[in-house]
């Protein structure tokens, strides 16, 4: 009995050790699968958050009730509010169907130490590696001046954030802005814009082919080809 009891204890201990080792081997895999190092981008700034309604924004920023562009069109409404922050010029809130799809922070370039480059360093520290920086020169169309635009973006599954600097080629400083965009609302907005553009194009009066004649030609042409084939044969 004593030997059997001792053997049973050894089996139990071996089972516990094996289970512990198995847990150590499996657990890191589960953590790597469930966990993620992906940085989640911010979706709000100074109380305003993406997806909120205009009435919710007004409750936080009363000035938003008086300063707006786009009239009453819920697709186009943009609310612009001067900022009281010493580093900011203004805030811009862009709505789609009464939901905040994008907010834009306009900085005072002369008040930001290190300007665009220093802000970029800080955002890289907070958001991680960016998608890259795009630089391009944009002319006004009349050739009177050209703008140098730099744009660096970060993106997660729900949000895109972009740091943008634009200034005239002849000037050292210009405008610095940070955009925070809801990807789903932005996609819906762009699709709606494309639909409106297409509808506007279709509303332009143009002389169009007679459908009756087109159908008749579609019927006659194959017969003509068949006859020509029989003659040549």
Foldseek 3Di string as FASTA:
>chain_A
DVVVVVVVVVVVVVVVVVVVVVCVVVVVVVCVVPPDPAFDDAQDDQLDGFFAFLVSVCVRVVCQVPAWPDPPQQLFIKGWAQDPDPFFGIKIFGGHNRTGFKIKTKTDQVVDVVGPVVVVVVVCVRRNDWPDKDWDWADPVVNPWIKIKIKIWHDDPFKIKIWMAIDTPVDDHDIIMIMIGGVVRVVVSVVVVVVVVVVVVVPDDDDDDDPVVVVVCVVVVVVVVVVVVVVVD
